[in-house]
Amino acid sequence: MADTPGWLETSIDGDRATLVAGGCWTFDSAASLDASLMALSFGGAGQIDIDMVGIDAFDTSGAWLLRRTQETFEASGATVTISGIADSYQPLFQLVVEAEKEHPEVEREYVNPAVAALNRLGAMVFDAGREGGQLLNFLGLTIVTMGRAIVSPRRFRITALINQVEQTGFNALPIVGLLLFLIGVVLAYQGADLTRQFGAEILTVDGLAISVLRELGVLITAILVAGRSGSAFTAQIGTMKVNEEIAAMQTFGLDPMEVLVLPRVCALLITLPLLTFFADVAALVGGGVMAVNSLDITLVQFVRRLHDAASLNQFLVGIVKAPVFAFIIALVGCYEGLSVGGSAESIGQMTTKAVVESIFLVIVADAAFSIIFSTLGI
């Protein structure tokens, strides 16, 4: 019957073994047949005859099982003979055999894990070096574009600049203010725990002022802007590239560096220092609220101590970093946007890459500033 499940019968006569198959060797019986075939063992039989005369139905699954069984027995050193396959099934079995010849299983070459790790590390270093070179090239192109705009101010797009200032600066005030206010609260609270042990809670104000003005105000603001505006630059420019708007822009004789990159770079150069100033104020206010309400410090004492600790020099050390951080964030964001490929997936990848690279380079630049200021005794 055509619906009889596939079955196997085996017999051994000395050095000769016989496997008789019947029923439906199809996909429906493949699982049970596979288990039965895997359990077969003919010991040291040198000749194995496979008789397929009882087959009622035969499809690709059955043909593959038969071929695998033949190869398994031959690999053990036995001579395998297959007979009884109906003429209507013979082409299918031959097709499976030929397919295996055309696409033989390739053995994977063993690779030492340590060597593989070194290869990956080398590839990462090479890619980082190549990326750094391309970014430096883009930096030079940006500087040249800024020089052209200075020489010929009519090239500069004021409307685009104002729009970017609003997007990167004014719209970022709430999140920057809230976050830095809370950071000020945390700094004052943590500092108070330490200074209270020495009975010098008033020194909490000194630590708050120095850490916020010199370091945390500008650094946290730059990280926020990198995640907010840097990613937006990449996504906006990348979407335009995917939609071929940049190609159309070039067709009309417009320079994408002047139209897209320059307004964004200049906008961040304007807004990040202003955001840093706002962040410093918000953090100091947060620390002041914490100090006045939780420490034995009055508002007048806090203001006087802050006036003594927060010198102009401390403020300038922090604010001078802002334009450098702004340039890094805008440069990386625009560069990765122009590097987007032709798919939406590429936009997501480059946006993530832009944020990570921006934050990394900002922290590297901040470390360099710290070394320079320490060397100069500032």
Protein backbone atom coordinates (compact mmCIF):
# COMPACT_ATOMS: atom_id res chain seq x y z
CA MET A 1 0.00 0.00 0.00
CA ALA A 2 1.17 3.49 -0.80
CA ASP A 3 0.50 4.64 2.76
CA THR A 4 2.54 1.89 4.47
CA PRO A 5 5.22 3.48 6.69
CA GLY A 6 8.80 2.83 5.72
CA TRP A 7 10.31 -0.31 7.26
CA LEU A 8 13.61 -2.21 7.40
CA GLU A 9 14.59 -5.86 7.72
CA THR A 10 18.17 -7.03 8.22
CA SER A 11 19.95 -10.36 8.05
CA ILE A 12 23.59 -11.44 8.32
CA ASP A 13 25.13 -14.51 6.71
CA GLY A 14 28.79 -14.72 7.60
CA ASP A 15 30.64 -11.84 5.99
CA ARG A 16 27.57 -10.77 4.01
CA ALA A 17 24.73 -8.62 5.33
CA THR A 18 21.40 -7.84 3.69
CA LEU A 19 19.16 -4.85 4.29
CA VAL A 20 15.65 -5.11 2.85
CA ALA A 21 13.62 -1.90 2.72
CA GLY A 22 9.96 -1.33 1.97
CA GLY A 23 6.98 0.92 2.51
CA CYS A 24 6.97 4.67 1.98
CA TRP A 25 10.43 6.20 2.09
CA THR A 26 9.06 9.72 2.18
CA PHE A 27 9.21 12.81 4.36
CA ASP A 28 6.44 11.50 6.64
CA SER A 29 8.49 8.41 7.54
CA ALA A 30 11.89 10.11 7.49
CA ALA A 31 12.18 10.57 11.26
CA SER A 32 11.45 6.93 12.15
CA LEU A 33 13.58 5.63 9.26
CA ASP A 34 16.45 7.87 10.30
CA ALA A 35 16.37 6.49 13.85
CA SER A 36 16.28 2.91 12.57
CA LEU A 37 19.14 3.44 10.11
CA MET A 38 21.30 5.15 12.72
CA ALA A 39 20.84 2.13 15.02
CA LEU A 40 21.99 -0.39 12.39
CA SER A 41 25.20 -2.32 13.04
CA PHE A 42 26.52 -5.12 10.84
CA GLY A 43 29.73 -5.70 12.76
CA GLY A 44 32.58 -6.49 10.41
CA ALA A 45 30.48 -7.39 7.36
CA GLY A 46 32.49 -6.86 4.20
CA GLN A 47 29.56 -6.96 1.77
CA ILE A 48 26.25 -5.21 2.38
CA ASP A 49 23.35 -5.60 -0.04
CA ILE A 50 20.52 -3.04 0.13
CA ASP A 51 17.34 -4.31 -1.51
CA MET A 52 14.79 -1.55 -2.26
CA VAL A 53 12.32 -3.70 -4.18
CA GLY A 54 9.59 -3.30 -1.56
CA ILE A 55 9.48 0.52 -1.82
CA ASP A 56 5.95 1.89 -2.33
CA ALA A 57 6.83 5.62 -2.42
CA PHE A 58 10.10 7.49 -2.65
CA ASP A 59 10.91 11.20 -2.40
CA THR A 60 13.95 13.40 -1.77
CA SER A 61 14.00 12.60 1.96
CA GLY A 62 14.10 8.87 1.25
CA ALA A 63 16.75 9.30 -1.44
CA TRP A 64 18.94 11.29 0.94
CA LEU A 65 18.55 8.67 3.72
CA LEU A 66 19.51 5.91 1.30
CA ARG A 67 22.55 7.81 0.07
CA ARG A 68 23.70 8.63 3.60
CA THR A 69 23.32 4.97 4.63
CA GLN A 70 25.39 3.89 1.63
CA GLU A 71 28.16 6.38 2.49
CA THR A 72 28.14 5.35 6.17
CA PHE A 73 28.65 1.68 5.36
CA GLU A 74 31.31 2.43 2.74
CA ALA A 75 33.16 4.61 5.25
CA SER A 76 33.36 1.55 7.56
CA GLY A 77 35.15 -0.39 4.81
CA ALA A 78 32.24 -2.44 3.47
CA THR A 79 31.26 -2.87 -0.17
CA VAL A 80 27.67 -1.67 -0.66
CA THR A 81 25.34 -2.79 -3.44
CA ILE A 82 21.95 -1.16 -4.00
CA SER A 83 19.30 -2.96 -6.04
CA GLY A 84 15.58 -3.01 -6.59
CA ILE A 85 15.02 0.73 -7.04
CA ALA A 86 12.13 1.21 -9.45
CA ASP A 87 12.90 2.93 -12.75
CA SER A 88 10.60 5.82 -11.79
CA TYR A 89 12.64 6.48 -8.60
CA GLN A 90 16.09 5.94 -10.10
CA PRO A 91 16.47 9.50 -11.54
CA LEU A 92 15.67 11.05 -8.15
CA PHE A 93 18.29 8.95 -6.38
CA GLN A 94 20.88 9.78 -9.04
CA LEU A 95 20.03 13.46 -8.67
CA VAL A 96 20.84 13.29 -4.94
CA VAL A 97 24.10 11.48 -5.67
CA GLU A 98 25.14 14.05 -8.27
CA ALA A 99 24.20 16.94 -6.00
CA GLU A 100 26.55 15.63 -3.32
CA LYS A 101 29.33 15.34 -5.87
CA GLU A 102 28.82 18.95 -6.95
CA HIS A 103 28.64 20.24 -3.37
CA PRO A 104 30.84 17.99 -1.26
CA GLU A 105 31.02 18.65 2.45
CA VAL A 106 34.04 20.80 3.16
CA GLU A 107 35.97 20.01 6.29
CA ARG A 108 36.61 23.04 8.42
CA GLU A 109 40.24 23.77 8.99
CA TYR A 110 41.15 23.88 12.67
CA VAL A 111 42.13 27.34 13.79
CA ASN A 112 43.83 27.96 17.11
CA PRO A 113 41.52 30.19 19.22
CA ALA A 114 44.46 32.37 20.26
CA VAL A 115 45.46 32.90 16.63
CA ALA A 116 41.86 33.68 15.70
CA ALA A 117 41.66 36.24 18.52
CA LEU A 118 44.87 37.89 17.33
CA ASN A 119 43.52 37.97 13.77
CA ARG A 120 40.35 39.69 14.95
CA LEU A 121 42.37 42.14 17.02
CA GLY A 122 44.58 42.94 14.04
CA ALA A 123 41.55 43.46 11.81
CA MET A 124 40.00 45.79 14.40
CA VAL A 125 43.22 47.82 14.65
CA PHE A 126 43.47 48.03 10.87
CA ASP A 127 39.83 49.13 10.55
CA ALA A 128 40.30 51.71 13.31
CA GLY A 129 43.37 53.12 11.57
CA ARG A 130 41.58 53.32 8.24
CA GLU A 131 38.56 54.95 9.88
CA GLY A 132 40.82 57.45 11.62
CA GLY A 133 42.49 58.37 8.34
CA GLN A 134 39.15 58.92 6.63
CA LEU A 135 37.94 61.02 9.56
CA LEU A 136 41.06 63.18 9.36
CA ASN A 137 40.42 63.62 5.65
CA PHE A 138 36.86 64.72 6.43
CA LEU A 139 38.24 67.09 9.08
CA GLY A 140 40.43 68.74 6.46
CA LEU A 141 37.51 69.03 4.06
CA THR A 142 35.38 70.63 6.80
CA ILE A 143 38.09 73.18 7.64
CA VAL A 144 38.46 74.07 3.96
CA THR A 145 34.69 74.52 3.68
CA MET A 146 34.69 76.79 6.74
CA GLY A 147 37.54 78.80 5.21
CA ARG A 148 35.58 79.27 1.98
CA ALA A 149 32.56 80.43 3.96
CA ILE A 150 34.68 82.98 5.85
CA VAL A 151 36.21 84.31 2.63
CA SER A 152 32.83 84.33 0.87
CA PRO A 153 30.08 84.84 3.50
CA ARG A 154 27.32 84.54 0.90
CA ARG A 155 28.03 80.80 0.89
CA PHE A 156 26.93 80.58 4.51
CA ARG A 157 23.29 79.57 5.09
CA ILE A 158 21.98 81.60 8.01
CA THR A 159 18.51 80.03 7.96
CA ALA A 160 19.93 76.53 8.28
CA LEU A 161 22.23 77.70 11.08
CA ILE A 162 19.36 79.23 13.07
CA ASN A 163 17.30 76.06 12.66
CA GLN A 164 20.18 73.90 13.89
CA VAL A 165 20.83 76.23 16.84
CA GLU A 166 17.20 75.80 17.85
CA GLN A 167 17.33 72.01 17.46
CA THR A 168 20.67 71.44 19.19
CA GLY A 169 20.54 74.21 21.76
CA PHE A 170 17.15 75.55 22.78
CA ASN A 171 15.37 72.19 22.54
CA ALA A 172 18.08 70.54 24.64
CA LEU A 173 17.71 72.90 27.61
CA PRO A 174 15.11 70.84 29.55
CA ILE A 175 17.01 67.54 29.52
CA VAL A 176 20.38 69.20 30.19
CA GLY A 177 19.00 71.30 33.02
CA LEU A 178 17.17 68.42 34.71
CA LEU A 179 20.06 65.98 34.46
CA LEU A 180 22.71 68.41 35.69
CA PHE A 181 20.45 69.56 38.52
CA LEU A 182 20.19 65.96 39.71
CA ILE A 183 23.93 65.43 39.29
CA GLY A 184 24.51 68.48 41.47
CA VAL A 185 22.26 66.94 44.13
CA VAL A 186 24.19 63.67 43.96
CA LEU A 187 27.59 65.38 44.16
CA ALA A 188 26.56 67.42 47.19
CA TYR A 189 25.09 64.39 48.92
CA GLN A 190 28.12 62.17 48.27
CA GLY A 191 30.56 64.92 49.18
CA ALA A 192 28.73 65.60 52.43
CA ASP A 193 29.12 61.97 53.52
CA LEU A 194 32.89 62.34 53.26
CA THR A 195 33.36 65.84 54.68
CA ARG A 196 30.99 65.14 57.60
CA GLN A 197 33.51 62.62 58.94
CA PHE A 198 36.00 65.45 59.41
CA GLY A 199 33.48 68.02 60.63
CA ALA A 200 34.03 70.15 57.52
CA GLU A 201 30.72 70.01 55.70
CA ILE A 202 31.33 73.47 54.25
CA LEU A 203 34.04 71.93 52.04
CA THR A 204 31.25 70.14 50.18
CA VAL A 205 30.67 73.41 48.35
CA ASP A 206 34.31 73.52 47.22
CA GLY A 207 34.17 70.00 45.84
CA LEU A 208 30.87 70.71 44.10
CA ALA A 209 32.11 73.91 42.47
CA ILE A 210 35.43 72.51 41.26
CA SER A 211 34.04 69.21 39.93
CA VAL A 212 31.14 70.87 38.11
CA LEU A 213 32.95 73.86 36.64
CA ARG A 214 36.16 72.10 35.62
CA GLU A 215 34.91 68.70 34.57
CA LEU A 216 31.42 67.33 34.97
CA GLY A 217 29.41 70.23 33.60
CA VAL A 218 30.99 70.25 30.17
CA LEU A 219 31.60 66.48 30.01
CA ILE A 220 28.06 65.39 30.87
CA THR A 221 26.63 68.04 28.55
CA ALA A 222 28.86 66.86 25.70
CA ILE A 223 27.80 63.24 26.24
CA LEU A 224 24.14 64.28 26.20
CA VAL A 225 24.63 66.30 23.03
CA ALA A 226 26.51 63.41 21.40
CA GLY A 227 23.61 61.06 22.08
CA ARG A 228 20.95 63.59 21.14
CA SER A 229 22.30 65.86 18.40
CA GLY A 230 25.17 63.73 17.07
CA SER A 231 22.84 60.82 16.42
CA ALA A 232 20.30 63.19 14.85
CA PHE A 233 22.94 64.53 12.45
CA THR A 234 23.81 61.00 11.33
CA ALA A 235 20.19 59.92 10.94
CA GLN A 236 19.16 63.07 9.05
CA ILE A 237 22.06 63.07 6.60
CA GLY A 238 21.94 59.28 6.26
CA THR A 239 18.25 59.33 5.39
CA MET A 240 18.90 61.98 2.76
CA LYS A 241 21.63 59.82 1.28
CA VAL A 242 19.43 56.71 1.18
CA ASN A 243 16.70 58.73 -0.53
CA GLU A 244 19.32 60.04 -2.99
CA GLU A 245 18.59 63.63 -1.98
CA ILE A 246 22.32 64.32 -1.63
CA ALA A 247 22.94 63.03 -5.15
CA ALA A 248 20.16 65.30 -6.41
CA MET A 249 21.69 68.20 -4.48
CA GLN A 250 25.04 67.64 -6.19
CA THR A 251 23.29 67.45 -9.56
CA PHE A 252 21.96 70.97 -8.96
CA GLY A 253 25.48 72.16 -8.19
CA LEU A 254 25.05 72.40 -4.41
CA ASP A 255 27.88 71.32 -2.12
CA PRO A 256 26.65 68.99 0.67
CA MET A 257 29.48 70.21 2.88
CA GLU A 258 28.15 73.77 2.68
CA VAL A 259 24.47 72.88 2.83
CA LEU A 260 24.47 70.06 5.41
CA VAL A 261 27.74 69.88 7.32
CA LEU A 262 28.76 73.50 7.87
CA PRO A 263 25.49 74.70 9.51
CA ARG A 264 25.52 71.76 11.91
CA VAL A 265 29.16 72.22 12.89
CA CYS A 266 28.74 75.96 13.46
CA ALA A 267 25.49 75.44 15.37
CA LEU A 268 27.14 73.09 17.86
CA LEU A 269 30.12 75.44 18.20
CA ILE A 270 27.62 78.08 19.33
CA THR A 271 25.23 76.01 21.44
CA LEU A 272 27.50 73.64 23.37
CA PRO A 273 29.36 76.41 25.26
CA LEU A 274 26.00 78.01 26.10
CA LEU A 275 24.57 74.66 27.18
CA THR A 276 27.67 74.09 29.30
CA PHE A 277 27.13 77.41 31.09
CA PHE A 278 23.48 76.51 31.66
CA ALA A 279 24.51 73.05 32.89
CA ASP A 280 27.01 74.54 35.35
CA VAL A 281 24.33 76.79 36.79
CA ALA A 282 21.81 73.93 37.03
CA ALA A 283 24.30 71.65 38.78
CA LEU A 284 25.32 74.34 41.27
CA VAL A 285 21.67 75.10 42.00
CA GLY A 286 20.99 71.40 42.56
CA GLY A 287 23.96 71.13 44.88
CA GLY A 288 22.87 74.27 46.69
CA VAL A 289 19.35 72.94 47.25
CA MET A 290 20.81 69.74 48.67
CA ALA A 291 23.33 71.57 50.88
CA VAL A 292 20.84 74.05 52.32
CA ASN A 293 18.15 71.46 53.04
CA SER A 294 20.26 68.55 54.28
CA LEU A 295 23.49 70.04 55.64
CA ASP A 296 24.17 72.51 58.40
CA ILE A 297 24.79 75.23 55.81
CA THR A 298 22.71 78.35 55.27
CA LEU A 299 22.03 79.86 51.88
CA VAL A 300 24.30 82.83 52.67
CA GLN A 301 27.14 80.51 53.68
CA PHE A 302 26.70 78.46 50.52
CA VAL A 303 26.79 81.53 48.26
CA ARG A 304 29.85 82.98 49.99
CA ARG A 305 31.75 79.71 49.89
CA LEU A 306 30.78 79.17 46.27
CA HIS A 307 32.03 82.67 45.44
CA ASP A 308 35.41 81.84 46.99
CA ALA A 309 35.73 78.38 45.38
CA ALA A 310 34.27 79.08 41.93
CA SER A 311 36.93 81.34 40.51
CA LEU A 312 36.92 82.55 36.92
CA ASN A 313 39.89 80.28 36.26
CA GLN A 314 37.88 77.18 37.24
CA PHE A 315 35.04 78.22 34.95
CA LEU A 316 37.33 78.92 31.98
CA VAL A 317 39.08 75.55 32.34
CA GLY A 318 35.73 73.87 31.75
CA ILE A 319 34.23 76.20 29.17
CA VAL A 320 37.30 76.13 26.91
CA LYS A 321 36.69 72.43 26.31
CA ALA A 322 33.18 73.00 24.97
CA PRO A 323 34.07 74.19 21.43
CA VAL A 324 36.48 71.27 20.99
CA PHE A 325 33.88 68.75 22.13
CA ALA A 326 31.28 70.41 19.90
CA PHE A 327 33.53 70.17 16.86
CA ILE A 328 34.23 66.49 17.54
CA ILE A 329 30.55 65.60 17.95
CA ALA A 330 29.41 67.48 14.85
CA LEU A 331 32.30 66.17 12.76
CA VAL A 332 31.69 62.52 13.65
CA GLY A 333 27.92 62.82 13.31
CA CYS A 334 28.09 64.35 9.83
CA TYR A 335 30.87 62.01 8.68
CA GLU A 336 28.95 58.87 9.65
CA GLY A 337 25.81 60.28 8.06
CA LEU A 338 27.61 60.71 4.75
CA SER A 339 29.04 57.18 5.15
CA VAL A 340 25.60 55.55 5.23
CA GLY A 341 25.05 52.86 2.60
CA GLY A 342 21.91 52.28 0.59
CA SER A 343 19.72 50.65 3.24
CA ALA A 344 17.74 51.61 6.32
CA GLU A 345 19.80 49.11 8.32
CA SER A 346 22.92 51.09 7.50
CA ILE A 347 21.34 54.21 9.02
CA GLY A 348 20.87 52.44 12.33
CA GLN A 349 24.40 51.03 12.30
CA MET A 350 26.02 54.36 11.49
CA THR A 351 23.90 56.22 14.04
CA THR A 352 25.03 53.85 16.78
CA LYS A 353 28.60 54.09 15.56
CA ALA A 354 28.48 57.90 15.56
CA VAL A 355 27.30 58.06 19.17
CA VAL A 356 29.93 55.59 20.39
CA GLU A 357 32.75 57.27 18.46
CA SER A 358 31.70 60.74 19.59
CA ILE A 359 31.58 59.84 23.27
CA PHE A 360 34.89 57.97 23.02
CA LEU A 361 36.67 60.86 21.31
CA VAL A 362 35.16 63.39 23.73
CA ILE A 363 36.52 61.43 26.70
CA VAL A 364 39.92 61.09 25.00
CA ALA A 365 39.98 64.84 24.39
CA ASP A 366 38.94 65.49 27.99
CA ALA A 367 41.79 63.31 29.24
CA ALA A 368 44.21 65.22 26.99
CA PHE A 369 42.94 68.53 28.41
CA SER A 370 43.43 67.23 31.95
CA ILE A 371 47.03 66.27 31.21
CA ILE A 372 47.75 69.63 29.57
CA PHE A 373 46.18 71.67 32.37
CA SER A 374 47.98 69.61 35.01
CA THR A 375 51.30 70.09 33.22
CA LEU A 376 50.71 73.84 32.96
CA GLY A 377 49.59 74.01 36.59
CA ILE A 378 46.19 75.43 35.73
